[in-house]
Amino acid sequence: SGVGDKIFVFYRGGEVVFYGWQSMMVPFIIASLTMLNIMLGAVYERTREIGIYSSLGLSPLDVSAMFLAESLIYGIMGGLIGYILGNFGSNVLRAYNLLPIEYIPNVSSSWVMLAVGLGVVSTMIATLYPMYKSAKLVTPSLERRWKIPAQSKGDLWEIPLPFTPSK
């Protein structure tokens, strides 16, 4: 619209409001604690296997990365299977007229991706402590970190490396 020498542009903007997130905190915490229990059980069951990995030379980071990858697979596959079963269940309920005719599920909504993403995030958060526990089971040596020895013989400083270089 124009008023005098000035022009004003009016538009109807969309607003996204996220109501009810408080009611989703309890299921989010329950899902995280469930995954924490599953991953701690996996670490406990694989204690001997982690010892074998340690004797073969895997570092604590490598062992903890294996558990991170496992939990990532749990999160992604759980989200995918839940999405597929939700669509299938919705179609079955609509086929038997158990849902109102006005109910049309929006399976391509960004909220669906947000819910699946939050499921994966809760899985990853729950895996941090089991990753730490599995890394503590792997002892690369008596010392957890490599340090440069501070002993020199005059101008000669011998530094033993934590690996053997190839020729």
N, C-alpha and C. Protein backbone atom coordinates (compact mmCIF):
# COMPACT_ATOMS: atom_id res chain seq x y z
N SER A 1 0.86 -1.16 0.00
CA SER A 1 0.00 0.00 0.00
C SER A 1 0.90 1.22 0.00
N GLY A 2 0.37 2.27 -0.43
CA GLY A 2 1.14 3.50 -0.47
C GLY A 2 0.49 4.57 0.37
N VAL A 3 1.30 5.22 1.17
CA VAL A 3 0.83 6.33 1.98
C VAL A 3 1.78 7.50 1.72
N GLY A 4 1.29 8.49 1.06
CA GLY A 4 2.14 9.63 0.74
C GLY A 4 3.23 9.19 -0.24
N ASP A 5 4.48 9.47 0.12
CA ASP A 5 5.61 9.09 -0.72
C ASP A 5 6.18 7.73 -0.35
N LYS A 6 5.62 7.06 0.62
CA LYS A 6 6.16 5.79 1.09
C LYS A 6 5.29 4.63 0.66
N ILE A 7 5.97 3.52 0.37
CA ILE A 7 5.27 2.29 -0.03
C ILE A 7 5.53 1.24 1.04
N PHE A 8 4.48 0.59 1.50
CA PHE A 8 4.57 -0.45 2.51
C PHE A 8 4.14 -1.77 1.89
N VAL A 9 4.88 -2.82 2.20
CA VAL A 9 4.55 -4.14 1.70
C VAL A 9 4.03 -4.97 2.87
N PHE A 10 2.85 -5.49 2.68
CA PHE A 10 2.24 -6.35 3.68
C PHE A 10 2.20 -7.76 3.14
N TYR A 11 2.49 -8.71 3.98
CA TYR A 11 2.39 -10.10 3.56
C TYR A 11 1.94 -10.95 4.74
N ARG A 12 1.35 -12.03 4.40
CA ARG A 12 0.93 -12.95 5.45
C ARG A 12 2.02 -13.98 5.62
N GLY A 13 2.73 -13.89 6.71
CA GLY A 13 3.85 -14.80 6.95
C GLY A 13 3.41 -16.01 7.76
N GLY A 14 4.07 -17.09 7.51
CA GLY A 14 3.79 -18.30 8.26
C GLY A 14 4.52 -18.29 9.59
N GLU A 15 3.91 -18.85 10.56
CA GLU A 15 4.53 -18.91 11.88
C GLU A 15 4.49 -20.35 12.35
N VAL A 16 5.62 -20.81 12.82
CA VAL A 16 5.70 -22.18 13.32
C VAL A 16 5.71 -22.11 14.85
N VAL A 17 4.76 -22.79 15.44
CA VAL A 17 4.66 -22.82 16.89
C VAL A 17 4.75 -24.28 17.31
N PHE A 18 5.58 -24.51 18.29
CA PHE A 18 5.82 -25.88 18.75
C PHE A 18 5.20 -26.03 20.13
N TYR A 19 3.95 -26.47 20.16
CA TYR A 19 3.25 -26.69 21.41
C TYR A 19 3.41 -28.14 21.84
N GLY A 20 3.38 -28.37 23.11
CA GLY A 20 3.36 -29.73 23.63
C GLY A 20 4.73 -30.38 23.76
N TRP A 21 5.81 -29.64 23.60
CA TRP A 21 7.13 -30.26 23.71
C TRP A 21 7.39 -30.74 25.13
N GLN A 22 6.71 -30.16 26.11
CA GLN A 22 6.90 -30.59 27.48
C GLN A 22 6.42 -32.02 27.67
N SER A 23 5.37 -32.39 26.97
CA SER A 23 4.86 -33.76 27.12
C SER A 23 5.74 -34.77 26.39
N MET A 24 6.63 -34.31 25.54
CA MET A 24 7.51 -35.23 24.83
C MET A 24 8.83 -35.47 25.56
N MET A 25 9.08 -34.72 26.61
CA MET A 25 10.34 -34.89 27.35
C MET A 25 10.40 -36.23 28.06
N VAL A 26 9.29 -36.68 28.64
CA VAL A 26 9.28 -37.95 29.36
C VAL A 26 9.56 -39.12 28.41
N PRO A 27 8.87 -39.23 27.24
CA PRO A 27 9.22 -40.32 26.32
C PRO A 27 10.65 -40.22 25.80
N PHE A 28 11.15 -38.98 25.61
CA PHE A 28 12.53 -38.79 25.15
C PHE A 28 13.51 -39.33 26.19
N ILE A 29 13.26 -39.04 27.45
CA ILE A 29 14.14 -39.53 28.52
C ILE A 29 14.03 -41.04 28.66
N ILE A 30 12.82 -41.58 28.55
CA ILE A 30 12.65 -43.03 28.63
C ILE A 30 13.37 -43.73 27.49
N ALA A 31 13.27 -43.18 26.28
CA ALA A 31 13.97 -43.77 25.13
C ALA A 31 15.48 -43.70 25.32
N SER A 32 15.98 -42.59 25.85
CA SER A 32 17.41 -42.47 26.08
C SER A 32 17.89 -43.46 27.13
N LEU A 33 17.13 -43.61 28.21
CA LEU A 33 17.52 -44.56 29.25
C LEU A 33 17.44 -46.00 28.76
N THR A 34 16.47 -46.30 27.90
CA THR A 34 16.38 -47.64 27.33
C THR A 34 17.60 -47.94 26.46
N MET A 35 17.98 -46.98 25.63
CA MET A 35 19.17 -47.19 24.79
C MET A 35 20.44 -47.25 25.63
N LEU A 36 20.49 -46.49 26.71
CA LEU A 36 21.63 -46.56 27.61
C LEU A 36 21.75 -47.96 28.20
N ASN A 37 20.64 -48.54 28.59
CA ASN A 37 20.63 -49.89 29.14
C ASN A 37 21.07 -50.91 28.09
N ILE A 38 20.59 -50.77 26.88
CA ILE A 38 20.96 -51.70 25.80
C ILE A 38 22.46 -51.61 25.50
N MET A 39 22.98 -50.39 25.40
CA MET A 39 24.39 -50.23 25.06
C MET A 39 25.30 -50.64 26.21
N LEU A 40 24.90 -50.40 27.46
CA LEU A 40 25.70 -50.89 28.59
C LEU A 40 25.71 -52.41 28.62
N GLY A 41 24.58 -53.02 28.26
CA GLY A 41 24.54 -54.47 28.16
C GLY A 41 25.45 -54.99 27.06
N ALA A 42 25.51 -54.26 25.95
CA ALA A 42 26.40 -54.66 24.86
C ALA A 42 27.86 -54.57 25.28
N VAL A 43 28.22 -53.53 26.05
CA VAL A 43 29.60 -53.41 26.53
C VAL A 43 29.91 -54.54 27.50
N TYR A 44 28.97 -54.85 28.39
CA TYR A 44 29.19 -55.91 29.38
C TYR A 44 29.32 -57.27 28.70
N GLU A 45 28.48 -57.54 27.70
CA GLU A 45 28.54 -58.82 26.99
C GLU A 45 29.81 -58.96 26.19
N ARG A 46 30.37 -57.88 25.75
CA ARG A 46 31.54 -57.94 24.87
C ARG A 46 32.85 -57.63 25.58
N THR A 47 32.87 -57.79 26.88
CA THR A 47 34.09 -57.48 27.63
C THR A 47 35.26 -58.32 27.14
N ARG A 48 35.05 -59.61 26.93
CA ARG A 48 36.14 -60.47 26.43
C ARG A 48 36.52 -60.10 25.00
N GLU A 49 35.52 -59.78 24.21
CA GLU A 49 35.78 -59.38 22.83
C GLU A 49 36.59 -58.08 22.79
N ILE A 50 36.27 -57.15 23.68
CA ILE A 50 37.04 -55.90 23.76
C ILE A 50 38.47 -56.19 24.18
N GLY A 51 38.66 -57.16 25.08
CA GLY A 51 40.02 -57.57 25.46
C GLY A 51 40.80 -58.13 24.28
N ILE A 52 40.12 -58.89 23.44
CA ILE A 52 40.78 -59.42 22.23
C ILE A 52 41.16 -58.28 21.29
N TYR A 53 40.24 -57.32 21.12
CA TYR A 53 40.55 -56.17 20.28
C TYR A 53 41.75 -55.40 20.83
N SER A 54 41.81 -55.30 22.15
CA SER A 54 42.93 -54.60 22.78
C SER A 54 44.25 -55.33 22.53
N SER A 55 44.22 -56.66 22.63
CA SER A 55 45.45 -57.42 22.40
C SER A 55 45.86 -57.39 20.93
N LEU A 56 44.90 -57.17 20.04
CA LEU A 56 45.24 -57.06 18.62
C LEU A 56 45.74 -55.67 18.24
N GLY A 57 45.62 -54.72 19.17
CA GLY A 57 46.20 -53.41 18.93
C GLY A 57 45.21 -52.30 18.65
N LEU A 58 43.91 -52.55 18.81
CA LEU A 58 42.95 -51.47 18.60
C LEU A 58 43.07 -50.44 19.72
N SER A 59 42.93 -49.20 19.36
CA SER A 59 43.02 -48.13 20.34
C SER A 59 41.67 -47.97 21.03
N PRO A 60 41.65 -47.28 22.16
CA PRO A 60 40.36 -47.02 22.82
C PRO A 60 39.38 -46.25 21.93
N LEU A 61 39.91 -45.37 21.09
CA LEU A 61 39.05 -44.61 20.19
C LEU A 61 38.38 -45.53 19.16
N ASP A 62 39.14 -46.52 18.67
CA ASP A 62 38.58 -47.45 17.69
C ASP A 62 37.47 -48.29 18.30
N VAL A 63 37.66 -48.75 19.52
CA VAL A 63 36.65 -49.58 20.17
C VAL A 63 35.41 -48.76 20.47
N SER A 64 35.58 -47.54 20.96
CA SER A 64 34.42 -46.71 21.25
C SER A 64 33.70 -46.30 19.95
N ALA A 65 34.43 -46.16 18.86
CA ALA A 65 33.80 -45.85 17.57
C ALA A 65 32.94 -47.01 17.08
N MET A 66 33.33 -48.24 17.42
CA MET A 66 32.50 -49.39 17.05
C MET A 66 31.14 -49.32 17.75
N PHE A 67 31.13 -48.93 19.02
CA PHE A 67 29.87 -48.81 19.74
C PHE A 67 29.06 -47.61 19.26
N LEU A 68 29.73 -46.55 18.87
CA LEU A 68 29.03 -45.40 18.30
C LEU A 68 28.35 -45.78 16.99
N ALA A 69 29.05 -46.53 16.15
CA ALA A 69 28.47 -46.97 14.88
C ALA A 69 27.27 -47.90 15.12
N GLU A 70 27.39 -48.77 16.11
CA GLU A 70 26.29 -49.68 16.43
C GLU A 70 25.05 -48.89 16.88
N SER A 71 25.25 -47.90 17.73
CA SER A 71 24.10 -47.13 18.21
C SER A 71 23.51 -46.27 17.10
N LEU A 72 24.35 -45.79 16.19
CA LEU A 72 23.85 -45.03 15.05
C LEU A 72 22.96 -45.91 14.17
N ILE A 73 23.38 -47.15 13.97
CA ILE A 73 22.56 -48.08 13.20
C ILE A 73 21.25 -48.36 13.92
N TYR A 74 21.30 -48.55 15.26
CA TYR A 74 20.07 -48.74 16.03
C TYR A 74 19.12 -47.56 15.84
N GLY A 75 19.65 -46.36 15.93
CA GLY A 75 18.81 -45.16 15.82
C GLY A 75 18.19 -45.01 14.44
N ILE A 76 19.00 -45.17 13.41
CA ILE A 76 18.50 -44.99 12.04
C ILE A 76 17.52 -46.09 11.67
N MET A 77 17.86 -47.33 11.98
CA MET A 77 16.95 -48.43 11.64
C MET A 77 15.66 -48.36 12.46
N GLY A 78 15.76 -47.97 13.72
CA GLY A 78 14.55 -47.80 14.53
C GLY A 78 13.64 -46.73 13.97
N GLY A 79 14.23 -45.61 13.56
CA GLY A 79 13.44 -44.54 12.95
C GLY A 79 12.80 -44.97 11.64
N LEU A 80 13.55 -45.68 10.81
CA LEU A 80 13.03 -46.14 9.52
C LEU A 80 11.92 -47.16 9.70
N ILE A 81 12.13 -48.13 10.57
CA ILE A 81 11.11 -49.15 10.80
C ILE A 81 9.87 -48.53 11.43
N GLY A 82 10.05 -47.60 12.37
CA GLY A 82 8.90 -46.91 12.97
C GLY A 82 8.12 -46.10 11.95
N TYR A 83 8.82 -45.44 11.04
CA TYR A 83 8.16 -44.66 9.98
C TYR A 83 7.35 -45.57 9.07
N ILE A 84 7.93 -46.68 8.65
CA ILE A 84 7.24 -47.61 7.75
C ILE A 84 6.03 -48.24 8.46
N LEU A 85 6.21 -48.70 9.71
CA LEU A 85 5.09 -49.30 10.44
C LEU A 85 4.00 -48.28 10.73
N GLY A 86 4.37 -47.04 10.99
CA GLY A 86 3.36 -46.00 11.20
C GLY A 86 2.53 -45.74 9.96
N ASN A 87 3.17 -45.69 8.79
CA ASN A 87 2.44 -45.51 7.54
C ASN A 87 1.54 -46.70 7.26
N PHE A 88 2.08 -47.90 7.46
CA PHE A 88 1.30 -49.11 7.22
C PHE A 88 0.10 -49.18 8.16
N GLY A 89 0.34 -48.91 9.45
CA GLY A 89 -0.76 -48.95 10.42
C GLY A 89 -1.82 -47.91 10.12
N SER A 90 -1.41 -46.73 9.70
CA SER A 90 -2.37 -45.69 9.35
C SER A 90 -3.21 -46.11 8.15
N ASN A 91 -2.59 -46.73 7.15
CA ASN A 91 -3.34 -47.19 5.98
C ASN A 91 -4.30 -48.32 6.34
N VAL A 92 -3.89 -49.21 7.23
CA VAL A 92 -4.78 -50.30 7.64
C VAL A 92 -5.98 -49.74 8.40
N LEU A 93 -5.74 -48.80 9.31
CA LEU A 93 -6.84 -48.21 10.06
C LEU A 93 -7.79 -47.43 9.16
N ARG A 94 -7.26 -46.76 8.16
CA ARG A 94 -8.12 -46.04 7.21
C ARG A 94 -8.89 -47.01 6.33
N ALA A 95 -8.29 -48.15 5.97
CA ALA A 95 -8.97 -49.13 5.13
C ALA A 95 -10.16 -49.75 5.85
N TYR A 96 -10.08 -49.92 7.15
CA TYR A 96 -11.17 -50.50 7.93
C TYR A 96 -12.07 -49.44 8.56
N ASN A 97 -11.95 -48.20 8.10
CA ASN A 97 -12.76 -47.07 8.56
C ASN A 97 -12.71 -46.89 10.08
N LEU A 98 -11.54 -47.11 10.66
CA LEU A 98 -11.36 -46.91 12.09
C LEU A 98 -10.84 -45.51 12.41
N LEU A 99 -10.52 -44.76 11.38
CA LEU A 99 -10.10 -43.37 11.54
C LEU A 99 -11.15 -42.47 10.90
N PRO A 100 -11.28 -41.25 11.39
CA PRO A 100 -12.24 -40.33 10.75
C PRO A 100 -11.84 -40.06 9.30
N ILE A 101 -12.82 -39.79 8.48
CA ILE A 101 -12.57 -39.56 7.06
C ILE A 101 -11.74 -38.30 6.84
N GLU A 102 -11.80 -37.37 7.80
CA GLU A 102 -11.04 -36.12 7.68
C GLU A 102 -9.56 -36.31 7.99
N TYR A 103 -9.22 -37.43 8.61
CA TYR A 103 -7.83 -37.68 9.01
C TYR A 103 -7.01 -38.05 7.78
N ILE A 104 -6.08 -37.19 7.46
CA ILE A 104 -5.15 -37.46 6.35
C ILE A 104 -3.75 -37.28 6.90
N PRO A 105 -3.00 -38.36 7.05
CA PRO A 105 -1.65 -38.22 7.61
C PRO A 105 -0.71 -37.52 6.63
N ASN A 106 0.11 -36.67 7.15
CA ASN A 106 1.11 -35.97 6.35
C ASN A 106 2.44 -36.67 6.56
N VAL A 107 2.72 -37.67 5.75
CA VAL A 107 3.92 -38.48 5.94
C VAL A 107 5.17 -37.81 5.39
N SER A 108 5.02 -36.72 4.68
CA SER A 108 6.19 -36.03 4.14
C SER A 108 6.49 -34.74 4.90
N SER A 109 5.94 -34.62 6.08
CA SER A 109 6.13 -33.41 6.88
C SER A 109 7.55 -33.35 7.44
N SER A 110 8.00 -32.14 7.66
CA SER A 110 9.31 -31.98 8.28
C SER A 110 9.28 -32.39 9.74
N TRP A 111 8.10 -32.42 10.34
CA TRP A 111 7.97 -32.85 11.73
C TRP A 111 8.29 -34.34 11.87
N VAL A 112 8.01 -35.10 10.83
CA VAL A 112 8.35 -36.53 10.85
C VAL A 112 9.87 -36.68 10.91
N MET A 113 10.57 -35.90 10.09
CA MET A 113 12.03 -35.95 10.10
C MET A 113 12.58 -35.46 11.44
N LEU A 114 11.92 -34.47 12.03
CA LEU A 114 12.35 -33.99 13.34
C LEU A 114 12.20 -35.08 14.40
N ALA A 115 11.08 -35.81 14.35
CA ALA A 115 10.86 -36.88 15.33
C ALA A 115 11.88 -38.00 15.15
N VAL A 116 12.15 -38.39 13.91
CA VAL A 116 13.15 -39.43 13.65
C VAL A 116 14.53 -38.93 14.07
N GLY A 117 14.84 -37.67 13.77
CA GLY A 117 16.12 -37.10 14.16
C GLY A 117 16.29 -37.05 15.67
N LEU A 118 15.23 -36.71 16.40
CA LEU A 118 15.31 -36.71 17.86
C LEU A 118 15.51 -38.12 18.40
N GLY A 119 14.93 -39.11 17.74
CA GLY A 119 15.17 -40.49 18.15
C GLY A 119 16.62 -40.89 17.97
N VAL A 120 17.21 -40.49 16.87
CA VAL A 120 18.63 -40.78 16.64
C VAL A 120 19.50 -40.02 17.64
N VAL A 121 19.14 -38.77 17.92
CA VAL A 121 19.90 -37.98 18.89
C VAL A 121 19.83 -38.61 20.28
N SER A 122 18.65 -39.07 20.68
CA SER A 122 18.54 -39.70 22.00
C SER A 122 19.38 -40.97 22.07
N THR A 123 19.46 -41.69 20.96
CA THR A 123 20.30 -42.88 20.92
C THR A 123 21.77 -42.52 21.04
N MET A 124 22.19 -41.46 20.35
CA MET A 124 23.59 -41.06 20.39
C MET A 124 23.97 -40.52 21.77
N ILE A 125 23.06 -39.78 22.40
CA ILE A 125 23.34 -39.27 23.75
C ILE A 125 23.49 -40.42 24.73
N ALA A 126 22.63 -41.42 24.58
CA ALA A 126 22.68 -42.57 25.49
C ALA A 126 23.92 -43.42 25.28
N THR A 127 24.63 -43.24 24.20
CA THR A 127 25.80 -44.06 23.91
C THR A 127 27.10 -43.45 24.44
N LEU A 128 27.07 -42.22 24.87
CA LEU A 128 28.31 -41.56 25.30
C LEU A 128 28.95 -42.28 26.49
N TYR A 129 28.17 -42.62 27.50
CA TYR A 129 28.73 -43.30 28.66
C TYR A 129 29.22 -44.72 28.33
N PRO A 130 28.44 -45.54 27.58
CA PRO A 130 28.99 -46.85 27.20
C PRO A 130 30.25 -46.76 26.34
N MET A 131 30.37 -45.72 25.53
CA MET A 131 31.60 -45.53 24.75
C MET A 131 32.77 -45.28 25.68
N TYR A 132 32.55 -44.49 26.70
CA TYR A 132 33.59 -44.21 27.68
C TYR A 132 33.99 -45.48 28.42
N LYS A 133 32.99 -46.27 28.81
CA LYS A 133 33.27 -47.52 29.53
C LYS A 133 34.05 -48.50 28.66
N SER A 134 33.69 -48.61 27.38
CA SER A 134 34.40 -49.53 26.49
C SER A 134 35.82 -49.06 26.23
N ALA A 135 36.01 -47.75 26.15
CA ALA A 135 37.37 -47.21 25.93
C ALA A 135 38.24 -47.45 27.15
N LYS A 136 37.66 -47.45 28.34
CA LYS A 136 38.43 -47.70 29.56
C LYS A 136 38.86 -49.17 29.66
N LEU A 137 38.12 -50.08 29.00
CA LEU A 137 38.49 -51.49 29.03
C LEU A 137 39.73 -51.77 28.18
N VAL A 138 39.98 -50.91 27.21
CA VAL A 138 41.14 -51.08 26.33
C VAL A 138 42.30 -50.30 26.92
N THR A 139 43.36 -51.00 27.26
CA THR A 139 44.53 -50.34 27.82
C THR A 139 45.68 -50.52 26.84
N PRO A 140 46.03 -49.47 26.10
CA PRO A 140 47.11 -49.62 25.14
C PRO A 140 48.46 -49.86 25.80
N SER A 141 48.65 -49.37 26.99
CA SER A 141 49.87 -49.59 27.75
C SER A 141 49.57 -49.24 29.19
N LEU A 142 50.59 -49.17 30.00
CA LEU A 142 50.35 -48.79 31.38
C LEU A 142 49.92 -47.33 31.48
N GLU A 143 50.37 -46.52 30.54
CA GLU A 143 49.96 -45.12 30.50
C GLU A 143 48.87 -44.96 29.46
N ARG A 144 47.87 -44.15 29.75
CA ARG A 144 46.75 -43.94 28.83
C ARG A 144 47.15 -43.00 27.68
N ARG A 145 48.13 -42.14 27.91
CA ARG A 145 48.54 -41.20 26.88
C ARG A 145 50.05 -41.27 26.68
N TRP A 146 50.47 -41.05 25.46
CA TRP A 146 51.88 -41.07 25.14
C TRP A 146 52.49 -39.73 25.50
N LYS A 147 53.63 -39.76 26.17
CA LYS A 147 54.32 -38.54 26.58
C LYS A 147 55.76 -38.59 26.07
N ILE A 148 56.27 -37.46 25.70
CA ILE A 148 57.67 -37.37 25.28
C ILE A 148 58.53 -37.41 26.54
N PRO A 149 59.48 -38.34 26.60
CA PRO A 149 60.34 -38.39 27.79
C PRO A 149 61.23 -37.14 27.83
N ALA A 150 61.37 -36.61 29.01
CA ALA A 150 62.13 -35.37 29.16
C ALA A 150 63.57 -35.65 29.58
N GLN A 151 64.16 -36.70 29.04
CA GLN A 151 65.54 -37.03 29.38
C GLN A 151 66.40 -36.87 28.13
N SER A 152 67.44 -36.09 28.27
CA SER A 152 68.37 -35.93 27.16
C SER A 152 69.77 -36.23 27.66
N LYS A 153 70.60 -36.68 26.73
CA LYS A 153 72.01 -36.97 27.03
C LYS A 153 72.84 -35.94 26.29
N GLY A 154 73.02 -34.82 26.91
CA GLY A 154 73.77 -33.75 26.25
C GLY A 154 72.95 -33.16 25.12
N ASP A 155 73.56 -33.20 23.90
CA ASP A 155 72.85 -32.70 22.73
C ASP A 155 71.99 -33.78 22.09
N LEU A 156 72.05 -35.01 22.58
CA LEU A 156 71.31 -36.13 22.00
C LEU A 156 70.03 -36.36 22.80
N TRP A 157 68.94 -36.38 22.07
CA TRP A 157 67.65 -36.61 22.72
C TRP A 157 66.97 -37.77 22.01
N GLU A 158 66.89 -38.91 22.66
CA GLU A 158 66.25 -40.09 22.07
C GLU A 158 64.78 -40.12 22.49
N ILE A 159 63.92 -40.18 21.47
CA ILE A 159 62.48 -40.20 21.72
C ILE A 159 61.92 -41.50 21.16
N PRO A 160 61.49 -42.42 22.04
CA PRO A 160 60.87 -43.65 21.53
C PRO A 160 59.44 -43.33 21.01
N LEU A 161 59.17 -43.76 19.80
CA LEU A 161 57.89 -43.50 19.19
C LEU A 161 56.89 -44.58 19.56
N PRO A 162 55.58 -44.27 19.60
CA PRO A 162 54.57 -45.26 19.96
C PRO A 162 54.22 -46.19 18.80
N PHE A 163 55.00 -46.17 17.76
CA PHE A 163 54.75 -47.05 16.60
C PHE A 163 56.09 -47.44 16.00
N THR A 164 56.08 -48.42 15.13
CA THR A 164 57.29 -48.85 14.45
C THR A 164 57.22 -48.43 13.00
N PRO A 165 58.11 -47.54 12.55
CA PRO A 165 58.04 -47.10 11.16
C PRO A 165 58.49 -48.21 10.21
N SER A 166 57.88 -48.26 9.05
CA SER A 166 58.29 -49.25 8.04
C SER A 166 59.43 -48.68 7.21
N LYS A 167 60.20 -49.58 6.61
CA LYS A 167 61.38 -49.15 5.84
C LYS A 167 61.03 -48.74 4.46
